[in-house]
């Protein structure tokens, strides 16, 4: 009788444990909907592949995200019109017809990333001055929204979600339950309300993932050194018309300033931010700014803002301590499709 009782109790304990584990990953439809709304705040601003660490390490990302969020979700209360600038491009008006308080920008960053943003600076798209960001009111691209299909609680308490995406202009709403996005969010309390902060987000794109895998295979051909030292001033070893100055910002972050001789009277200088990937190569983002310097007829330089005329996708260090910058060519061999750079003293 006692043995039978113990067996029954053991069985109930196992069932109870299983029920508890199952309950941990069961979220109500309302909670799943709120998770989708939370993640949509990132997808609608085209932050589909990033992490909290990457965003908080770059003032440009933080400002761009917050300004986009406020434009979409709090336009009337955040974007203050400047009547004197509606038909003027002079002075401060050249930076836009609206201004947004930096306090509102900081609040968005705290709410969605649980990060205290205390320093503010201008970006490529928004000028900062005396507590305000100045912006134009142009329409943006059509965003996508997320619908959470699955969610589970991880051992550390964070929540991993899987979602599909849809165009908000679609008449029938989400037309597919395919998993197109994954994200990890962290429960926390913001202004006395339970919510989440972003840990990471990733859009699942078969073509892009295949390209990344192919690139990784190609890069292996360089037999790169472990923890290579990219810092310094480099010139291309072919014609000497392109140079780059690389400096470390710490934590695997780098600043790259490239200089391209476009002709006898024109030079383009671009500034990038880059991250060290797998201790093997640098992956710069889009150029933060590009300045084209042209020599005028009187011999004086004339600086104008220019588009990125020679973008860099990746920078590698080969086994001989040289930089290699791949470019497009017919061969699949990165070694034969790259420009070598040599370190020079300035």
C-alpha atoms as a PDB file:
ATOM      1  CA  UNK A   1       0.000   0.000   0.000  1.00  0.00           C
ATOM      2  CA  UNK A   2       2.802   2.388   0.879  1.00  0.00           C
ATOM      3  CA  UNK A   3       4.718   1.516  -2.294  1.00  0.00           C
ATOM      4  CA  UNK A   4       1.597   2.134  -4.365  1.00  0.00           C
ATOM      5  CA  UNK A   5       1.077   5.514  -2.671  1.00  0.00           C
ATOM      6  CA  UNK A   6       4.685   6.532  -3.348  1.00  0.00           C
ATOM      7  CA  UNK A   7       4.326   5.552  -6.991  1.00  0.00           C
ATOM      8  CA  UNK A   8       1.152   7.627  -7.345  1.00  0.00           C
ATOM      9  CA  UNK A   9       2.809  10.626  -5.656  1.00  0.00           C
ATOM     10  CA  UNK A  10       5.864  10.308  -7.900  1.00  0.00           C
ATOM     11  CA  UNK A  11       3.637  10.225 -10.952  1.00  0.00           C
ATOM     12  CA  UNK A  12       1.770  13.310  -9.798  1.00  0.00           C
ATOM     13  CA  UNK A  13       5.063  15.133  -9.220  1.00  0.00           C
ATOM     14  CA  UNK A  14       6.231  14.318 -12.744  1.00  0.00           C
ATOM     15  CA  UNK A  15       2.935  15.455 -14.235  1.00  0.00           C
ATOM     16  CA  UNK A  16       3.078  18.615 -12.144  1.00  0.00           C
ATOM     17  CA  UNK A  17       6.598  19.395 -13.299  1.00  0.00           C
ATOM     18  CA  UNK A  18       5.627  18.826 -16.919  1.00  0.00           C
ATOM     19  CA  UNK A  19       2.570  21.054 -16.530  1.00  0.00           C
ATOM     20  CA  UNK A  20       4.705  23.761 -14.956  1.00  0.00           C
ATOM     21  CA  UNK A  21       7.267  23.606 -17.768  1.00  0.00           C
ATOM     22  CA  UNK A  22       4.493  23.746 -20.326  1.00  0.00           C
ATOM     23  CA  UNK A  23       2.804  26.673 -18.588  1.00  0.00           C
ATOM     24  CA  UNK A  24       6.051  28.620 -18.675  1.00  0.00           C
ATOM     25  CA  UNK A  25       5.889  28.760 -22.470  1.00  0.00           C
ATOM     26  CA  UNK A  26       2.172  29.373 -22.757  1.00  0.00           C
ATOM     27  CA  UNK A  27       1.317  32.996 -23.512  1.00  0.00           C
ATOM     28  CA  UNK A  28      -2.175  34.384 -23.970  1.00  0.00           C
ATOM     29  CA  UNK A  29      -3.308  35.704 -27.353  1.00  0.00           C
ATOM     30  CA  UNK A  30      -3.315  39.200 -25.899  1.00  0.00           C
ATOM     31  CA  UNK A  31       0.297  38.857 -24.720  1.00  0.00           C
ATOM     32  CA  UNK A  32       1.372  37.448 -28.087  1.00  0.00           C
ATOM     33  CA  UNK A  33      -0.319  40.400 -29.789  1.00  0.00           C
ATOM     34  CA  UNK A  34       1.490  42.858 -27.505  1.00  0.00           C
ATOM     35  CA  UNK A  35       4.792  41.127 -28.252  1.00  0.00           C
ATOM     36  CA  UNK A  36       4.090  41.605 -31.955  1.00  0.00           C
ATOM     37  CA  UNK A  37       3.379  45.298 -31.415  1.00  0.00           C
ATOM     38  CA  UNK A  38       6.620  45.641 -29.440  1.00  0.00           C
ATOM     39  CA  UNK A  39       8.738  44.005 -32.148  1.00  0.00           C
ATOM     40  CA  UNK A  40       6.905  45.987 -34.852  1.00  0.00           C
ATOM     41  CA  UNK A  41       8.362  49.148 -33.367  1.00  0.00           C
ATOM     42  CA  UNK A  42      11.702  47.919 -34.716  1.00  0.00           C
ATOM     43  CA  UNK A  43      10.593  46.379 -38.018  1.00  0.00           C
ATOM     44  CA  UNK A  44       8.602  49.462 -39.014  1.00  0.00           C
ATOM     45  CA  UNK A  45      11.837  51.463 -38.716  1.00  0.00           C
ATOM     46  CA  UNK A  46      13.797  48.798 -40.639  1.00  0.00           C
ATOM     47  CA  UNK A  47      15.814  47.593 -37.651  1.00  0.00           C
ATOM     48  CA  UNK A  48      15.412  43.936 -38.626  1.00  0.00           C
ATOM     49  CA  UNK A  49      18.930  42.636 -37.985  1.00  0.00           C
ATOM     50  CA  UNK A  50      20.582  44.048 -34.904  1.00  0.00           C
ATOM     51  CA  UNK A  51      21.278  43.574 -31.197  1.00  0.00           C
ATOM     52  CA  UNK A  52      21.022  45.815 -28.171  1.00  0.00           C
ATOM     53  CA  UNK A  53      24.814  45.942 -28.006  1.00  0.00           C
ATOM     54  CA  UNK A  54      25.120  47.091 -31.613  1.00  0.00           C
ATOM     55  CA  UNK A  55      22.464  49.766 -31.229  1.00  0.00           C
ATOM     56  CA  UNK A  56      23.694  51.210 -27.947  1.00  0.00           C
ATOM     57  CA  UNK A  57      27.273  51.326 -29.247  1.00  0.00           C
ATOM     58  CA  UNK A  58      26.329  53.693 -32.071  1.00  0.00           C
ATOM     59  CA  UNK A  59      24.735  57.129 -31.554  1.00  0.00           C
ATOM     60  CA  UNK A  60      23.579  57.061 -35.186  1.00  0.00           C
ATOM     61  CA  UNK A  61      21.488  53.924 -34.644  1.00  0.00           C
ATOM     62  CA  UNK A  62      19.921  55.226 -31.444  1.00  0.00           C
ATOM     63  CA  UNK A  63      18.918  58.574 -32.918  1.00  0.00           C
ATOM     64  CA  UNK A  64      17.671  57.095 -36.196  1.00  0.00           C
ATOM     65  CA  UNK A  65      15.522  54.553 -34.363  1.00  0.00           C
ATOM     66  CA  UNK A  66      14.044  57.037 -31.892  1.00  0.00           C
ATOM     67  CA  UNK A  67      13.321  59.702 -34.507  1.00  0.00           C
ATOM     68  CA  UNK A  68      11.682  57.135 -36.776  1.00  0.00           C
ATOM     69  CA  UNK A  69       9.595  55.769 -33.911  1.00  0.00           C
ATOM     70  CA  UNK A  70       8.387  59.217 -32.882  1.00  0.00           C
ATOM     71  CA  UNK A  71       7.603  60.138 -36.468  1.00  0.00           C
ATOM     72  CA  UNK A  72       5.399  57.081 -36.935  1.00  0.00           C
ATOM     73  CA  UNK A  73       3.822  56.836 -33.501  1.00  0.00           C
ATOM     74  CA  UNK A  74       3.886  60.321 -31.957  1.00  0.00           C
ATOM     75  CA  UNK A  75       4.140  62.796 -34.809  1.00  0.00           C
ATOM     76  CA  UNK A  76       1.840  65.525 -33.471  1.00  0.00           C
ATOM     77  CA  UNK A  77       3.217  65.468 -29.944  1.00  0.00           C
ATOM     78  CA  UNK A  78       6.893  65.131 -30.856  1.00  0.00           C
ATOM     79  CA  UNK A  79       7.660  66.846 -34.165  1.00  0.00           C
ATOM     80  CA  UNK A  80       7.366  70.567 -33.460  1.00  0.00           C
ATOM     81  CA  UNK A  81       6.859  72.557 -36.677  1.00  0.00           C
ATOM     82  CA  UNK A  82       9.021  75.594 -37.347  1.00  0.00           C
ATOM     83  CA  UNK A  83       6.765  77.994 -39.293  1.00  0.00           C
ATOM     84  CA  UNK A  84       9.675  80.229 -40.191  1.00  0.00           C
ATOM     85  CA  UNK A  85      11.360  77.287 -41.933  1.00  0.00           C
ATOM     86  CA  UNK A  86       8.509  76.016 -44.071  1.00  0.00           C
ATOM     87  CA  UNK A  87       9.714  77.995 -47.094  1.00  0.00           C
ATOM     88  CA  UNK A  88      13.310  78.653 -46.156  1.00  0.00           C
ATOM     89  CA  UNK A  89      16.560  76.741 -46.512  1.00  0.00           C
ATOM     90  CA  UNK A  90      18.781  79.268 -44.753  1.00  0.00           C
ATOM     91  CA  UNK A  91      20.549  78.982 -41.415  1.00  0.00           C
ATOM     92  CA  UNK A  92      19.014  76.478 -39.023  1.00  0.00           C
ATOM     93  CA  UNK A  93      16.181  75.919 -41.504  1.00  0.00           C
ATOM     94  CA  UNK A  94      18.594  74.014 -43.739  1.00  0.00           C
ATOM     95  CA  UNK A  95      18.388  71.166 -41.199  1.00  0.00           C
ATOM     96  CA  UNK A  96      14.612  70.750 -41.515  1.00  0.00           C
ATOM     97  CA  UNK A  97      11.198  72.193 -40.805  1.00  0.00           C
ATOM     98  CA  UNK A  98      10.683  70.357 -37.495  1.00  0.00           C
ATOM     99  CA  UNK A  99      12.469  69.918 -34.187  1.00  0.00           C
ATOM    100  CA  UNK A 100      12.227  67.075 -31.652  1.00  0.00           C
ATOM    101  CA  UNK A 101      13.251  67.277 -28.013  1.00  0.00           C
ATOM    102  CA  UNK A 102      16.226  65.120 -27.065  1.00  0.00           C
ATOM    103  CA  UNK A 103      14.276  64.144 -23.916  1.00  0.00           C
ATOM    104  CA  UNK A 104      11.708  62.379 -26.102  1.00  0.00           C
ATOM    105  CA  UNK A 105      14.499  60.635 -28.005  1.00  0.00           C
ATOM    106  CA  UNK A 106      16.065  59.452 -24.736  1.00  0.00           C
ATOM    107  CA  UNK A 107      12.696  58.194 -23.468  1.00  0.00           C
ATOM    108  CA  UNK A 108      12.180  56.027 -26.562  1.00  0.00           C
ATOM    109  CA  UNK A 109      15.633  54.507 -26.156  1.00  0.00           C
ATOM    110  CA  UNK A 110      15.013  53.786 -22.480  1.00  0.00           C
ATOM    111  CA  UNK A 111      11.596  52.276 -23.181  1.00  0.00           C
ATOM    112  CA  UNK A 112      12.609  49.898 -25.971  1.00  0.00           C
ATOM    113  CA  UNK A 113      16.278  49.182 -25.160  1.00  0.00           C
ATOM    114  CA  UNK A 114      16.456  49.811 -21.396  1.00  0.00           C
ATOM    115  CA  UNK A 115      19.392  52.137 -22.061  1.00  0.00           C
ATOM    116  CA  UNK A 116      20.059  55.567 -20.557  1.00  0.00           C
ATOM    117  CA  UNK A 117      21.031  57.836 -23.438  1.00  0.00           C
ATOM    118  CA  UNK A 118      22.782  60.871 -21.966  1.00  0.00           C
ATOM    119  CA  UNK A 119      24.975  62.162 -24.791  1.00  0.00           C
ATOM    120  CA  UNK A 120      23.521  63.517 -28.017  1.00  0.00           C
ATOM    121  CA  UNK A 121      25.165  64.284 -31.344  1.00  0.00           C
ATOM    122  CA  UNK A 122      24.159  65.016 -34.922  1.00  0.00           C
ATOM    123  CA  UNK A 123      23.787  62.163 -37.412  1.00  0.00           C
ATOM    124  CA  UNK A 124      23.725  61.961 -41.168  1.00  0.00           C
ATOM    125  CA  UNK A 125      19.989  62.712 -41.201  1.00  0.00           C
ATOM    126  CA  UNK A 126      19.354  64.727 -38.021  1.00  0.00           C
ATOM    127  CA  UNK A 127      21.133  67.841 -36.787  1.00  0.00           C
ATOM    128  CA  UNK A 128      21.453  68.256 -33.014  1.00  0.00           C
ATOM    129  CA  UNK A 129      21.722  71.563 -31.212  1.00  0.00           C
ATOM    130  CA  UNK A 130      20.835  72.783 -27.713  1.00  0.00           C
ATOM    131  CA  UNK A 131      18.520  69.932 -26.707  1.00  0.00           C
ATOM    132  CA  UNK A 132      16.749  69.430 -30.027  1.00  0.00           C
ATOM    133  CA  UNK A 133      17.127  67.316 -33.149  1.00  0.00           C
ATOM    134  CA  UNK A 134      16.141  69.034 -36.400  1.00  0.00           C
ATOM    135  CA  UNK A 135      14.446  67.015 -39.122  1.00  0.00           C
ATOM    136  CA  UNK A 136      12.697  67.170 -42.465  1.00  0.00           C
ATOM    137  CA  UNK A 137       9.193  65.787 -42.834  1.00  0.00           C
ATOM    138  CA  UNK A 138       9.651  63.624 -45.925  1.00  0.00           C
ATOM    139  CA  UNK A 139       7.765  60.330 -46.153  1.00  0.00           C
ATOM    140  CA  UNK A 140       9.717  57.126 -45.640  1.00  0.00           C
ATOM    141  CA  UNK A 141       9.550  53.653 -47.117  1.00  0.00           C
ATOM    142  CA  UNK A 142       6.632  51.300 -46.563  1.00  0.00           C
ATOM    143  CA  UNK A 143       7.293  49.412 -43.295  1.00  0.00           C
ATOM    144  CA  UNK A 144       6.487  45.849 -42.262  1.00  0.00           C
ATOM    145  CA  UNK A 145       4.818  44.695 -39.051  1.00  0.00           C
ATOM    146  CA  UNK A 146       5.334  41.508 -37.057  1.00  0.00           C
ATOM    147  CA  UNK A 147       2.805  38.922 -35.908  1.00  0.00           C
ATOM    148  CA  UNK A 148       4.161  36.592 -33.232  1.00  0.00           C
ATOM    149  CA  UNK A 149       3.401  32.937 -34.004  1.00  0.00           C
ATOM    150  CA  UNK A 150       5.493  31.184 -31.352  1.00  0.00           C
ATOM    151  CA  UNK A 151       7.129  32.211 -28.075  1.00  0.00           C
ATOM    152  CA  UNK A 152       9.099  30.403 -25.422  1.00  0.00           C
ATOM    153  CA  UNK A 153      10.837  31.403 -22.216  1.00  0.00           C
ATOM    154  CA  UNK A 154      14.576  30.794 -22.114  1.00  0.00           C
ATOM    155  CA  UNK A 155      16.483  29.598 -19.076  1.00  0.00           C
ATOM    156  CA  UNK A 156      17.711  33.131 -18.317  1.00  0.00           C
ATOM    157  CA  UNK A 157      14.157  34.514 -18.278  1.00  0.00           C
ATOM    158  CA  UNK A 158      14.317  36.161 -21.687  1.00  0.00           C
ATOM    159  CA  UNK A 159      11.684  35.293 -24.291  1.00  0.00           C
ATOM    160  CA  UNK A 160      12.460  34.005 -27.751  1.00  0.00           C
ATOM    161  CA  UNK A 161       9.765  34.757 -30.318  1.00  0.00           C
ATOM    162  CA  UNK A 162       9.158  33.708 -33.908  1.00  0.00           C
ATOM    163  CA  UNK A 163       7.066  35.936 -36.128  1.00  0.00           C
ATOM    164  CA  UNK A 164       5.743  36.442 -39.617  1.00  0.00           C
ATOM    165  CA  UNK A 165       5.752  39.828 -41.355  1.00  0.00           C
ATOM    166  CA  UNK A 166       3.094  41.694 -43.275  1.00  0.00           C
ATOM    167  CA  UNK A 167       2.553  44.936 -45.131  1.00  0.00           C
ATOM    168  CA  UNK A 168       0.156  47.164 -43.162  1.00  0.00           C
ATOM    169  CA  UNK A 169      -1.542  48.218 -46.411  1.00  0.00           C
ATOM    170  CA  UNK A 170      -2.567  44.635 -47.186  1.00  0.00           C
ATOM    171  CA  UNK A 171      -6.357  44.399 -47.089  1.00  0.00           C
ATOM    172  CA  UNK A 172      -6.479  40.985 -45.430  1.00  0.00           C
ATOM    173  CA  UNK A 173      -3.637  41.563 -42.969  1.00  0.00           C
ATOM    174  CA  UNK A 174      -1.043  38.790 -42.579  1.00  0.00           C
ATOM    175  CA  UNK A 175      -1.491  36.322 -45.428  1.00  0.00           C
ATOM    176  CA  UNK A 176       1.030  33.765 -44.215  1.00  0.00           C
ATOM    177  CA  UNK A 177       2.149  32.226 -40.961  1.00  0.00           C
ATOM    178  CA  UNK A 178       5.656  31.523 -42.287  1.00  0.00           C
ATOM    179  CA  UNK A 179       8.364  32.339 -39.760  1.00  0.00           C
ATOM    180  CA  UNK A 180      10.273  35.281 -41.228  1.00  0.00           C
ATOM    181  CA  UNK A 181      11.694  36.889 -38.096  1.00  0.00           C
ATOM    182  CA  UNK A 182      13.134  35.798 -34.774  1.00  0.00           C
ATOM    183  CA  UNK A 183      13.813  37.985 -31.760  1.00  0.00           C
ATOM    184  CA  UNK A 184      14.809  37.761 -28.121  1.00  0.00           C
ATOM    185  CA  UNK A 185      13.161  40.197 -25.725  1.00  0.00           C
ATOM    186  CA  UNK A 186      13.705  40.763 -22.027  1.00  0.00           C
ATOM    187  CA  UNK A 187      10.827  41.383 -19.595  1.00  0.00           C
ATOM    188  CA  UNK A 188      11.252  44.538 -17.540  1.00  0.00           C
ATOM    189  CA  UNK A 189       9.277  47.375 -15.982  1.00  0.00           C
ATOM    190  CA  UNK A 190       9.229  50.795 -17.630  1.00  0.00           C
ATOM    191  CA  UNK A 191       7.500  53.662 -15.834  1.00  0.00           C
ATOM    192  CA  UNK A 192       5.649  51.197 -13.547  1.00  0.00           C
ATOM    193  CA  UNK A 193       4.342  49.144 -16.500  1.00  0.00           C
ATOM    194  CA  UNK A 194       5.405  45.639 -17.456  1.00  0.00           C
ATOM    195  CA  UNK A 195       6.934  45.532 -20.914  1.00  0.00           C
ATOM    196  CA  UNK A 196      10.023  44.210 -22.713  1.00  0.00           C
ATOM    197  CA  UNK A 197      13.342  45.518 -23.981  1.00  0.00           C
ATOM    198  CA  UNK A 198      15.083  44.264 -27.099  1.00  0.00           C
ATOM    199  CA  UNK A 199      17.981  41.827 -26.802  1.00  0.00           C
ATOM    200  CA  UNK A 200      18.289  40.894 -30.479  1.00  0.00           C
ATOM    201  CA  UNK A 201      16.295  40.708 -33.689  1.00  0.00           C
ATOM    202  CA  UNK A 202      16.999  38.879 -36.926  1.00  0.00           C
ATOM    203  CA  UNK A 203      15.144  38.692 -40.210  1.00  0.00           C
ATOM    204  CA  UNK A 204      15.288  35.243 -41.807  1.00  0.00           C
ATOM    205  CA  UNK A 205      16.206  35.666 -45.446  1.00  0.00           C
ATOM    206  CA  UNK A 206      17.305  32.535 -47.250  1.00  0.00           C
ATOM    207  CA  UNK A 207      19.140  34.404 -49.979  1.00  0.00           C
ATOM    208  CA  UNK A 208      21.022  36.665 -47.583  1.00  0.00           C
ATOM    209  CA  UNK A 209      21.942  33.812 -45.265  1.00  0.00           C
ATOM    210  CA  UNK A 210      23.237  31.808 -48.208  1.00  0.00           C
ATOM    211  CA  UNK A 211      25.330  34.796 -49.299  1.00  0.00           C
ATOM    212  CA  UNK A 212      26.775  35.182 -45.824  1.00  0.00           C
ATOM    213  CA  UNK A 213      27.704  31.501 -45.704  1.00  0.00           C
ATOM    214  CA  UNK A 214      29.348  31.779 -49.104  1.00  0.00           C
ATOM    215  CA  UNK A 215      31.316  34.829 -47.975  1.00  0.00           C
ATOM    216  CA  UNK A 216      32.505  33.026 -44.853  1.00  0.00           C
ATOM    217  CA  UNK A 217      33.797  30.141 -46.980  1.00  0.00           C
ATOM    218  CA  UNK A 218      35.610  32.556 -49.284  1.00  0.00           C
ATOM    219  CA  UNK A 219      37.177  34.457 -46.394  1.00  0.00           C
ATOM    220  CA  UNK A 220      38.639  31.253 -44.997  1.00  0.00           C
ATOM    221  CA  UNK A 221      40.982  31.213 -47.986  1.00  0.00           C
ATOM    222  CA  UNK A 222      42.903  34.090 -46.427  1.00  0.00           C
ATOM    223  CA  UNK A 223      43.951  32.036 -43.414  1.00  0.00           C
ATOM    224  CA  UNK A 224      43.551  35.235 -41.347  1.00  0.00           C
ATOM    225  CA  UNK A 225      45.553  35.794 -38.205  1.00  0.00           C
ATOM    226  CA  UNK A 226      43.840  35.602 -34.841  1.00  0.00           C
ATOM    227  CA  UNK A 227      43.009  39.052 -33.452  1.00  0.00           C
ATOM    228  CA  UNK A 228      44.622  40.939 -36.342  1.00  0.00           C
ATOM    229  CA  UNK A 229      45.736  44.540 -35.866  1.00  0.00           C
ATOM    230  CA  UNK A 230      43.855  46.609 -38.421  1.00  0.00           C
ATOM    231  CA  UNK A 231      44.754  49.988 -36.975  1.00  0.00           C
ATOM    232  CA  UNK A 232      46.986  52.288 -38.974  1.00  0.00           C
ATOM    233  CA  UNK A 233      47.216  54.076 -42.305  1.00  0.00           C
ATOM    234  CA  UNK A 234      46.989  51.941 -45.428  1.00  0.00           C
ATOM    235  CA  UNK A 235      47.324  52.547 -49.170  1.00  0.00           C
ATOM    236  CA  UNK A 236      46.240  50.258 -51.954  1.00  0.00           C
ATOM    237  CA  UNK A 237      49.184  48.339 -53.338  1.00  0.00           C
ATOM    238  CA  UNK A 238      48.067  48.612 -56.962  1.00  0.00           C
ATOM    239  CA  UNK A 239      47.798  52.211 -58.109  1.00  0.00           C
ATOM    240  CA  UNK A 240      48.054  54.077 -54.797  1.00  0.00           C
ATOM    241  CA  UNK A 241      44.926  56.140 -55.427  1.00  0.00           C
ATOM    242  CA  UNK A 242      42.941  54.791 -52.464  1.00  0.00           C
ATOM    243  CA  UNK A 243      43.894  54.922 -48.803  1.00  0.00           C
ATOM    244  CA  UNK A 244      42.221  54.146 -45.512  1.00  0.00           C
ATOM    245  CA  UNK A 245      42.917  55.135 -41.941  1.00  0.00           C
ATOM    246  CA  UNK A 246      41.610  52.655 -39.362  1.00  0.00           C
ATOM    247  CA  UNK A 247      41.374  53.434 -35.661  1.00  0.00           C
ATOM    248  CA  UNK A 248      39.927  51.337 -32.853  1.00  0.00           C
ATOM    249  CA  UNK A 249      36.991  52.547 -30.773  1.00  0.00           C
ATOM    250  CA  UNK A 250      37.226  49.591 -28.393  1.00  0.00           C
ATOM    251  CA  UNK A 251      35.070  46.475 -27.933  1.00  0.00           C
ATOM    252  CA  UNK A 252      35.607  45.379 -31.527  1.00  0.00           C
ATOM    253  CA  UNK A 253      34.434  48.718 -32.963  1.00  0.00           C
ATOM    254  CA  UNK A 254      36.463  50.666 -35.509  1.00  0.00           C
ATOM    255  CA  UNK A 255      36.338  53.966 -37.387  1.00  0.00           C
ATOM    256  CA  UNK A 256      37.437  53.823 -41.022  1.00  0.00           C
ATOM    257  CA  UNK A 257      38.196  56.924 -43.088  1.00  0.00           C
ATOM    258  CA  UNK A 258      38.704  56.150 -46.760  1.00  0.00           C
ATOM    259  CA  UNK A 259      40.094  58.497 -49.377  1.00  0.00           C
ATOM    260  CA  UNK A 260      39.493  57.889 -53.091  1.00  0.00           C
ATOM    261  CA  UNK A 261      41.240  59.834 -55.853  1.00  0.00           C
ATOM    262  CA  UNK A 262      38.445  60.079 -58.409  1.00  0.00           C
ATOM    263  CA  UNK A 263      40.539  62.084 -60.839  1.00  0.00           C
ATOM    264  CA  UNK A 264      43.204  64.759 -61.076  1.00  0.00           C
ATOM    265  CA  UNK A 265      40.894  67.371 -59.533  1.00  0.00           C
ATOM    266  CA  UNK A 266      38.518  65.373 -57.364  1.00  0.00           C
ATOM    267  CA  UNK A 267      38.906  63.401 -54.156  1.00  0.00           C
ATOM    268  CA  UNK A 268      36.195  61.684 -52.067  1.00  0.00           C
ATOM    269  CA  UNK A 269      36.628  61.028 -48.348  1.00  0.00           C
ATOM    270  CA  UNK A 270      34.153  58.775 -46.498  1.00  0.00           C
ATOM    271  CA  UNK A 271      33.769  57.859 -42.823  1.00  0.00           C
ATOM    272  CA  UNK A 272      32.472  54.442 -41.738  1.00  0.00           C
ATOM    273  CA  UNK A 273      31.827  52.605 -38.491  1.00  0.00           C
ATOM    274  CA  UNK A 274      32.813  48.932 -38.502  1.00  0.00           C
ATOM    275  CA  UNK A 275      32.686  45.899 -36.222  1.00  0.00           C
ATOM    276  CA  UNK A 276      35.195  43.100 -35.851  1.00  0.00           C
ATOM    277  CA  UNK A 277      33.550  39.838 -36.939  1.00  0.00           C
ATOM    278  CA  UNK A 278      34.860  36.530 -35.603  1.00  0.00           C
ATOM    279  CA  UNK A 279      38.358  38.014 -35.173  1.00  0.00           C
ATOM    280  CA  UNK A 280      38.733  37.629 -38.918  1.00  0.00           C
ATOM    281  CA  UNK A 281      37.422  40.659 -40.747  1.00  0.00           C
ATOM    282  CA  UNK A 282      35.863  44.083 -40.408  1.00  0.00           C
ATOM    283  CA  UNK A 283      32.329  44.673 -41.673  1.00  0.00           C
ATOM    284  CA  UNK A 284      31.673  48.411 -42.171  1.00  0.00           C
ATOM    285  CA  UNK A 285      28.144  49.744 -42.207  1.00  0.00           C
ATOM    286  CA  UNK A 286      26.894  52.387 -44.589  1.00  0.00           C
ATOM    287  CA  UNK A 287      29.091  55.454 -44.862  1.00  0.00           C
ATOM    288  CA  UNK A 288      28.175  58.022 -42.208  1.00  0.00           C
ATOM    289  CA  UNK A 289      29.299  60.822 -44.482  1.00  0.00           C
ATOM    290  CA  UNK A 290      31.190  61.357 -47.725  1.00  0.00           C
ATOM    291  CA  UNK A 291      32.821  64.629 -48.695  1.00  0.00           C
ATOM    292  CA  UNK A 292      33.854  65.312 -52.281  1.00  0.00           C
ATOM    293  CA  UNK A 293      36.662  67.850 -52.676  1.00  0.00           C
ATOM    294  CA  UNK A 294      37.013  69.375 -56.125  1.00  0.00           C
ATOM    295  CA  UNK A 295      39.675  71.847 -57.185  1.00  0.00           C
ATOM    296  CA  UNK A 296      38.086  74.994 -58.568  1.00  0.00           C
ATOM    297  CA  UNK A 297      39.411  77.006 -61.462  1.00  0.00           C
ATOM    298  CA  UNK A 298      41.167  79.362 -59.078  1.00  0.00           C
ATOM    299  CA  UNK A 299      42.895  76.434 -57.368  1.00  0.00           C
ATOM    300  CA  UNK A 300      40.850  76.561 -54.151  1.00  0.00           C
ATOM    301  CA  UNK A 301      39.086  73.439 -52.815  1.00  0.00           C
ATOM    302  CA  UNK A 302      35.309  73.316 -53.052  1.00  0.00           C
ATOM    303  CA  UNK A 303      33.775  70.818 -50.598  1.00  0.00           C
ATOM    304  CA  UNK A 304      30.340  69.366 -51.237  1.00  0.00           C
ATOM    305  CA  UNK A 305      28.482  66.447 -49.682  1.00  0.00           C
ATOM    306  CA  UNK A 306      28.650  63.459 -51.986  1.00  0.00           C
ATOM    307  CA  UNK A 307      27.140  60.014 -52.226  1.00  0.00           C
ATOM    308  CA  UNK A 308      29.213  56.988 -51.294  1.00  0.00           C
ATOM    309  CA  UNK A 309      30.990  56.403 -54.583  1.00  0.00           C
ATOM    310  CA  UNK A 310      33.109  53.451 -53.549  1.00  0.00           C
ATOM    311  CA  UNK A 311      31.475  51.476 -50.749  1.00  0.00           C
ATOM    312  CA  UNK A 312      33.415  48.881 -48.772  1.00  0.00           C
ATOM    313  CA  UNK A 313      31.692  45.656 -47.784  1.00  0.00           C
ATOM    314  CA  UNK A 314      34.441  43.924 -45.856  1.00  0.00           C
ATOM    315  CA  UNK A 315      38.106  44.308 -44.903  1.00  0.00           C
ATOM    316  CA  UNK A 316      40.274  41.294 -44.132  1.00  0.00           C
ATOM    317  CA  UNK A 317      43.774  40.671 -42.838  1.00  0.00           C
ATOM    318  CA  UNK A 318      45.646  37.928 -44.666  1.00  0.00           C
ATOM    319  CA  UNK A 319      48.256  35.588 -43.221  1.00  0.00           C
ATOM    320  CA  UNK A 320      51.066  37.984 -44.202  1.00  0.00           C
ATOM    321  CA  UNK A 321      49.632  40.911 -42.280  1.00  0.00           C
ATOM    322  CA  UNK A 322      48.253  42.756 -45.310  1.00  0.00           C
ATOM    323  CA  UNK A 323      44.782  44.169 -45.745  1.00  0.00           C
ATOM    324  CA  UNK A 324      42.630  42.764 -48.514  1.00  0.00           C
ATOM    325  CA  UNK A 325      39.465  44.491 -49.786  1.00  0.00           C
ATOM    326  CA  UNK A 326      37.353  42.187 -52.027  1.00  0.00           C
ATOM    327  CA  UNK A 327      35.509  43.608 -55.004  1.00  0.00           C
ATOM    328  CA  UNK A 328      33.067  42.238 -57.574  1.00  0.00           C
ATOM    329  CA  UNK A 329      34.558  40.062 -60.288  1.00  0.00           C
ATOM    330  CA  UNK A 330      33.708  36.890 -62.217  1.00  0.00           C
ATOM    331  CA  UNK A 331      35.751  34.564 -60.015  1.00  0.00           C
ATOM    332  CA  UNK A 332      34.439  33.000 -56.783  1.00  0.00           C
ATOM    333  CA  UNK A 333      37.937  33.203 -55.295  1.00  0.00           C
ATOM    334  CA  UNK A 334      38.132  36.227 -53.016  1.00  0.00           C
ATOM    335  CA  UNK A 335      41.924  36.068 -53.120  1.00  0.00           C
ATOM    336  CA  UNK A 336      41.931  36.869 -56.829  1.00  0.00           C
ATOM    337  CA  UNK A 337      39.108  39.386 -56.487  1.00  0.00           C
ATOM    338  CA  UNK A 338      40.540  41.806 -53.973  1.00  0.00           C
ATOM    339  CA  UNK A 339      42.783  44.829 -53.741  1.00  0.00           C
ATOM    340  CA  UNK A 340      45.766  44.463 -51.397  1.00  0.00           C
ATOM    341  CA  UNK A 341      46.715  47.341 -49.100  1.00  0.00           C
ATOM    342  CA  UNK A 342      50.090  48.017 -47.484  1.00  0.00           C
ATOM    343  CA  UNK A 343      50.698  49.807 -44.208  1.00  0.00           C
ATOM    344  CA  UNK A 344      52.501  53.120 -44.606  1.00  0.00           C
ATOM    345  CA  UNK A 345      53.811  55.705 -42.163  1.00  0.00           C
ATOM    346  CA  UNK A 346      52.319  59.177 -42.181  1.00  0.00           C
END
